[in-house]
Amino acid sequence: MTASDDTTGPRAVSTRLIASATRKGQGRRPVNPPVERASTMLSDHARDLRDASLGPTYGIEDLSAGQALNEALAYLEG
């Protein structure tokens, strides 16, 4: 969901939440974010676990499905 997405009209919110992956121009992609199952994330160095830019440190945090949910909730909350 980007600033260029249409946010007007009575169905804008429901349309964006239901079909956010169907925007054209993004190449071949799944309709829904892929489900990733992980509870433990590995790292080469313990210090890397403190660097959020390197990715999630725990399996339920920040995997692709969680990121999509966070984006949708952020849009709803404004």
N, C-alpha and C. Protein backbone atom coordinates (compact mmCIF):
# COMPACT_ATOMS: atom_id res chain seq x y z
N MET A 1 0.83 -1.16 0.00
CA MET A 1 0.00 0.00 0.00
C MET A 1 0.89 1.23 0.00
N THR A 2 0.75 2.03 -1.01
CA THR A 2 1.59 3.21 -1.12
C THR A 2 0.73 4.45 -1.17
N ALA A 3 1.38 5.61 -1.08
CA ALA A 3 0.67 6.88 -1.12
C ALA A 3 -0.04 7.08 -2.44
N SER A 4 0.39 6.42 -3.50
CA SER A 4 -0.23 6.59 -4.81
C SER A 4 -1.49 5.74 -4.98
N ASP A 5 -1.80 4.87 -4.03
CA ASP A 5 -3.00 4.05 -4.11
C ASP A 5 -4.24 4.92 -3.99
N ASP A 6 -5.32 4.53 -4.68
CA ASP A 6 -6.58 5.26 -4.61
C ASP A 6 -7.20 5.05 -3.24
N THR A 7 -7.50 6.13 -2.54
CA THR A 7 -8.10 6.04 -1.21
C THR A 7 -9.46 6.71 -1.18
N THR A 8 -10.08 6.92 -2.32
CA THR A 8 -11.37 7.58 -2.35
C THR A 8 -12.46 6.59 -2.73
N GLY A 9 -13.68 6.96 -2.46
CA GLY A 9 -14.81 6.13 -2.82
C GLY A 9 -15.24 5.23 -1.68
N PRO A 10 -16.48 4.76 -1.75
CA PRO A 10 -17.03 3.98 -0.63
C PRO A 10 -16.37 2.62 -0.43
N ARG A 11 -15.76 2.06 -1.46
CA ARG A 11 -15.16 0.73 -1.33
C ARG A 11 -13.64 0.78 -1.24
N ALA A 12 -13.07 1.95 -1.15
CA ALA A 12 -11.62 2.07 -1.20
C ALA A 12 -10.93 1.25 -0.10
N VAL A 13 -11.39 1.37 1.14
CA VAL A 13 -10.74 0.67 2.25
C VAL A 13 -10.88 -0.84 2.09
N SER A 14 -12.09 -1.33 1.87
CA SER A 14 -12.28 -2.77 1.77
C SER A 14 -11.56 -3.34 0.55
N THR A 15 -11.55 -2.60 -0.53
CA THR A 15 -10.85 -3.07 -1.73
C THR A 15 -9.36 -3.18 -1.46
N ARG A 16 -8.77 -2.20 -0.83
CA ARG A 16 -7.33 -2.23 -0.56
C ARG A 16 -6.96 -3.33 0.40
N LEU A 17 -7.79 -3.58 1.40
CA LEU A 17 -7.47 -4.62 2.37
C LEU A 17 -7.62 -6.02 1.80
N ILE A 18 -8.58 -6.21 0.93
CA ILE A 18 -8.83 -7.54 0.37
C ILE A 18 -7.89 -7.85 -0.78
N ALA A 19 -7.61 -6.88 -1.61
CA ALA A 19 -6.89 -7.15 -2.86
C ALA A 19 -5.60 -6.36 -2.99
N SER A 20 -4.89 -6.16 -1.90
CA SER A 20 -3.69 -5.32 -1.96
C SER A 20 -2.60 -5.90 -2.84
N ALA A 21 -2.56 -7.20 -3.01
CA ALA A 21 -1.50 -7.82 -3.82
C ALA A 21 -1.83 -7.87 -5.30
N THR A 22 -3.02 -7.45 -5.69
CA THR A 22 -3.41 -7.61 -7.09
C THR A 22 -3.12 -6.38 -7.93
N ARG A 23 -2.40 -5.42 -7.41
CA ARG A 23 -2.05 -4.24 -8.20
C ARG A 23 -1.18 -4.66 -9.38
N LYS A 24 -1.43 -4.05 -10.50
CA LYS A 24 -0.66 -4.36 -11.71
C LYS A 24 0.73 -3.76 -11.63
N GLY A 25 1.62 -4.29 -12.44
CA GLY A 25 2.97 -3.73 -12.53
C GLY A 25 3.92 -4.23 -11.47
N GLN A 26 3.59 -5.30 -10.79
CA GLN A 26 4.49 -5.82 -9.76
C GLN A 26 5.01 -7.21 -10.11
N GLY A 27 4.87 -7.60 -11.35
CA GLY A 27 5.38 -8.90 -11.77
C GLY A 27 4.56 -10.06 -11.23
N ARG A 28 5.05 -11.25 -11.41
CA ARG A 28 4.36 -12.44 -10.93
C ARG A 28 4.50 -12.52 -9.42
N ARG A 29 3.38 -12.74 -8.74
CA ARG A 29 3.38 -12.74 -7.28
C ARG A 29 2.17 -13.50 -6.76
N PRO A 30 2.22 -13.97 -5.53
CA PRO A 30 1.05 -14.61 -4.94
C PRO A 30 0.01 -13.56 -4.56
N VAL A 31 -1.24 -13.95 -4.50
CA VAL A 31 -2.29 -13.02 -4.08
C VAL A 31 -2.12 -12.67 -2.62
N ASN A 32 -1.80 -13.65 -1.80
CA ASN A 32 -1.59 -13.43 -0.37
C ASN A 32 -0.11 -13.53 -0.05
N PRO A 33 0.32 -12.89 1.03
CA PRO A 33 1.73 -13.04 1.40
C PRO A 33 2.00 -14.50 1.75
N PRO A 34 3.19 -14.99 1.44
CA PRO A 34 3.49 -16.39 1.74
C PRO A 34 3.51 -16.64 3.25
N VAL A 35 3.10 -17.81 3.64
CA VAL A 35 3.13 -18.19 5.05
C VAL A 35 4.50 -18.76 5.35
N GLU A 36 5.17 -18.17 6.31
CA GLU A 36 6.49 -18.63 6.72
C GLU A 36 6.36 -19.18 8.14
N ARG A 37 6.82 -20.38 8.33
CA ARG A 37 6.74 -20.99 9.66
C ARG A 37 8.13 -21.02 10.26
N ALA A 38 8.31 -20.26 11.30
CA ALA A 38 9.60 -20.24 11.98
C ALA A 38 9.40 -19.71 13.39
N SER A 39 10.03 -20.34 14.34
CA SER A 39 9.98 -19.81 15.70
C SER A 39 11.36 -19.36 16.15
N THR A 40 12.38 -19.85 15.50
CA THR A 40 13.75 -19.50 15.87
C THR A 40 14.47 -18.97 14.65
N MET A 41 15.11 -17.84 14.79
CA MET A 41 15.88 -17.25 13.71
C MET A 41 17.36 -17.39 14.06
N LEU A 42 18.14 -17.82 13.11
CA LEU A 42 19.58 -18.02 13.33
C LEU A 42 20.36 -16.81 12.83
N SER A 43 21.51 -16.61 13.43
CA SER A 43 22.39 -15.52 13.05
C SER A 43 23.83 -15.98 13.22
N ASP A 44 24.72 -15.42 12.41
CA ASP A 44 26.12 -15.81 12.51
C ASP A 44 26.78 -15.27 13.78
N HIS A 45 26.31 -14.12 14.25
CA HIS A 45 26.91 -13.48 15.43
C HIS A 45 25.80 -13.00 16.36
N ALA A 46 26.00 -13.12 17.66
CA ALA A 46 25.01 -12.67 18.63
C ALA A 46 24.73 -11.18 18.49
N ARG A 47 25.73 -10.40 18.14
CA ARG A 47 25.54 -8.95 18.01
C ARG A 47 24.54 -8.61 16.90
N ASP A 48 24.42 -9.50 15.91
CA ASP A 48 23.48 -9.26 14.81
C ASP A 48 22.03 -9.27 15.29
N LEU A 49 21.76 -9.94 16.39
CA LEU A 49 20.40 -10.01 16.91
C LEU A 49 19.91 -8.65 17.41
N ARG A 50 20.81 -7.73 17.67
CA ARG A 50 20.44 -6.39 18.12
C ARG A 50 20.24 -5.42 16.97
N ASP A 51 20.53 -5.84 15.76
CA ASP A 51 20.43 -4.96 14.59
C ASP A 51 19.16 -5.28 13.81
N ALA A 52 18.13 -4.46 14.01
CA ALA A 52 16.82 -4.71 13.38
C ALA A 52 16.88 -4.64 11.85
N SER A 53 17.87 -3.95 11.30
CA SER A 53 17.97 -3.84 9.84
C SER A 53 18.34 -5.17 9.18
N LEU A 54 18.82 -6.13 9.96
CA LEU A 54 19.22 -7.43 9.42
C LEU A 54 18.05 -8.42 9.34
N GLY A 55 16.88 -8.01 9.79
CA GLY A 55 15.72 -8.88 9.71
C GLY A 55 15.19 -9.26 11.08
N PRO A 56 14.18 -10.11 11.09
CA PRO A 56 13.55 -10.49 12.36
C PRO A 56 14.49 -11.29 13.24
N THR A 57 14.24 -11.20 14.56
CA THR A 57 15.04 -11.97 15.51
C THR A 57 14.24 -13.08 16.15
N TYR A 58 12.93 -13.05 15.98
CA TYR A 58 12.06 -14.09 16.51
C TYR A 58 11.03 -14.42 15.45
N GLY A 59 10.67 -15.68 15.32
CA GLY A 59 9.86 -16.15 14.22
C GLY A 59 8.52 -15.48 14.01
N ILE A 60 7.83 -15.05 15.07
CA ILE A 60 6.52 -14.45 14.86
C ILE A 60 6.60 -12.96 14.58
N GLU A 61 7.77 -12.40 14.65
CA GLU A 61 7.93 -10.96 14.44
C GLU A 61 8.46 -10.68 13.04
N ASP A 62 7.73 -9.90 12.29
CA ASP A 62 8.24 -9.30 11.06
C ASP A 62 8.50 -10.24 9.90
N LEU A 63 7.89 -11.41 9.87
CA LEU A 63 7.95 -12.21 8.66
C LEU A 63 6.97 -11.60 7.67
N SER A 64 6.94 -12.06 6.43
CA SER A 64 6.18 -11.36 5.38
C SER A 64 4.69 -11.23 5.68
N ALA A 65 4.06 -12.24 6.25
CA ALA A 65 2.63 -12.14 6.57
C ALA A 65 2.40 -11.08 7.65
N GLY A 66 3.28 -11.03 8.63
CA GLY A 66 3.18 -10.01 9.68
C GLY A 66 3.40 -8.61 9.14
N GLN A 67 4.32 -8.47 8.21
CA GLN A 67 4.56 -7.16 7.60
C GLN A 67 3.34 -6.69 6.84
N ALA A 68 2.70 -7.59 6.09
CA ALA A 68 1.49 -7.23 5.34
C ALA A 68 0.37 -6.83 6.30
N LEU A 69 0.24 -7.54 7.40
CA LEU A 69 -0.78 -7.18 8.39
C LEU A 69 -0.47 -5.82 9.00
N ASN A 70 0.79 -5.58 9.35
CA ASN A 70 1.17 -4.28 9.91
C ASN A 70 0.87 -3.14 8.96
N GLU A 71 1.13 -3.33 7.67
CA GLU A 71 0.84 -2.30 6.67
C GLU A 71 -0.66 -2.02 6.58
N ALA A 72 -1.46 -3.08 6.59
CA ALA A 72 -2.92 -2.91 6.52
C ALA A 72 -3.45 -2.20 7.76
N LEU A 73 -2.95 -2.58 8.93
CA LEU A 73 -3.39 -1.93 10.16
C LEU A 73 -2.95 -0.47 10.21
N ALA A 74 -1.74 -0.19 9.76
CA ALA A 74 -1.26 1.19 9.73
C ALA A 74 -2.12 2.04 8.81
N TYR A 75 -2.54 1.47 7.68
CA TYR A 75 -3.42 2.20 6.77
C TYR A 75 -4.76 2.50 7.45
N LEU A 76 -5.33 1.50 8.12
CA LEU A 76 -6.62 1.69 8.79
C LEU A 76 -6.53 2.73 9.91
N GLU A 77 -5.41 2.73 10.63
CA GLU A 77 -5.25 3.65 11.75
C GLU A 77 -4.84 5.05 11.31
N GLY A 78 -4.46 5.18 10.04
CA GLY A 78 -4.08 6.49 9.52
C GLY A 78 -2.69 6.79 9.77
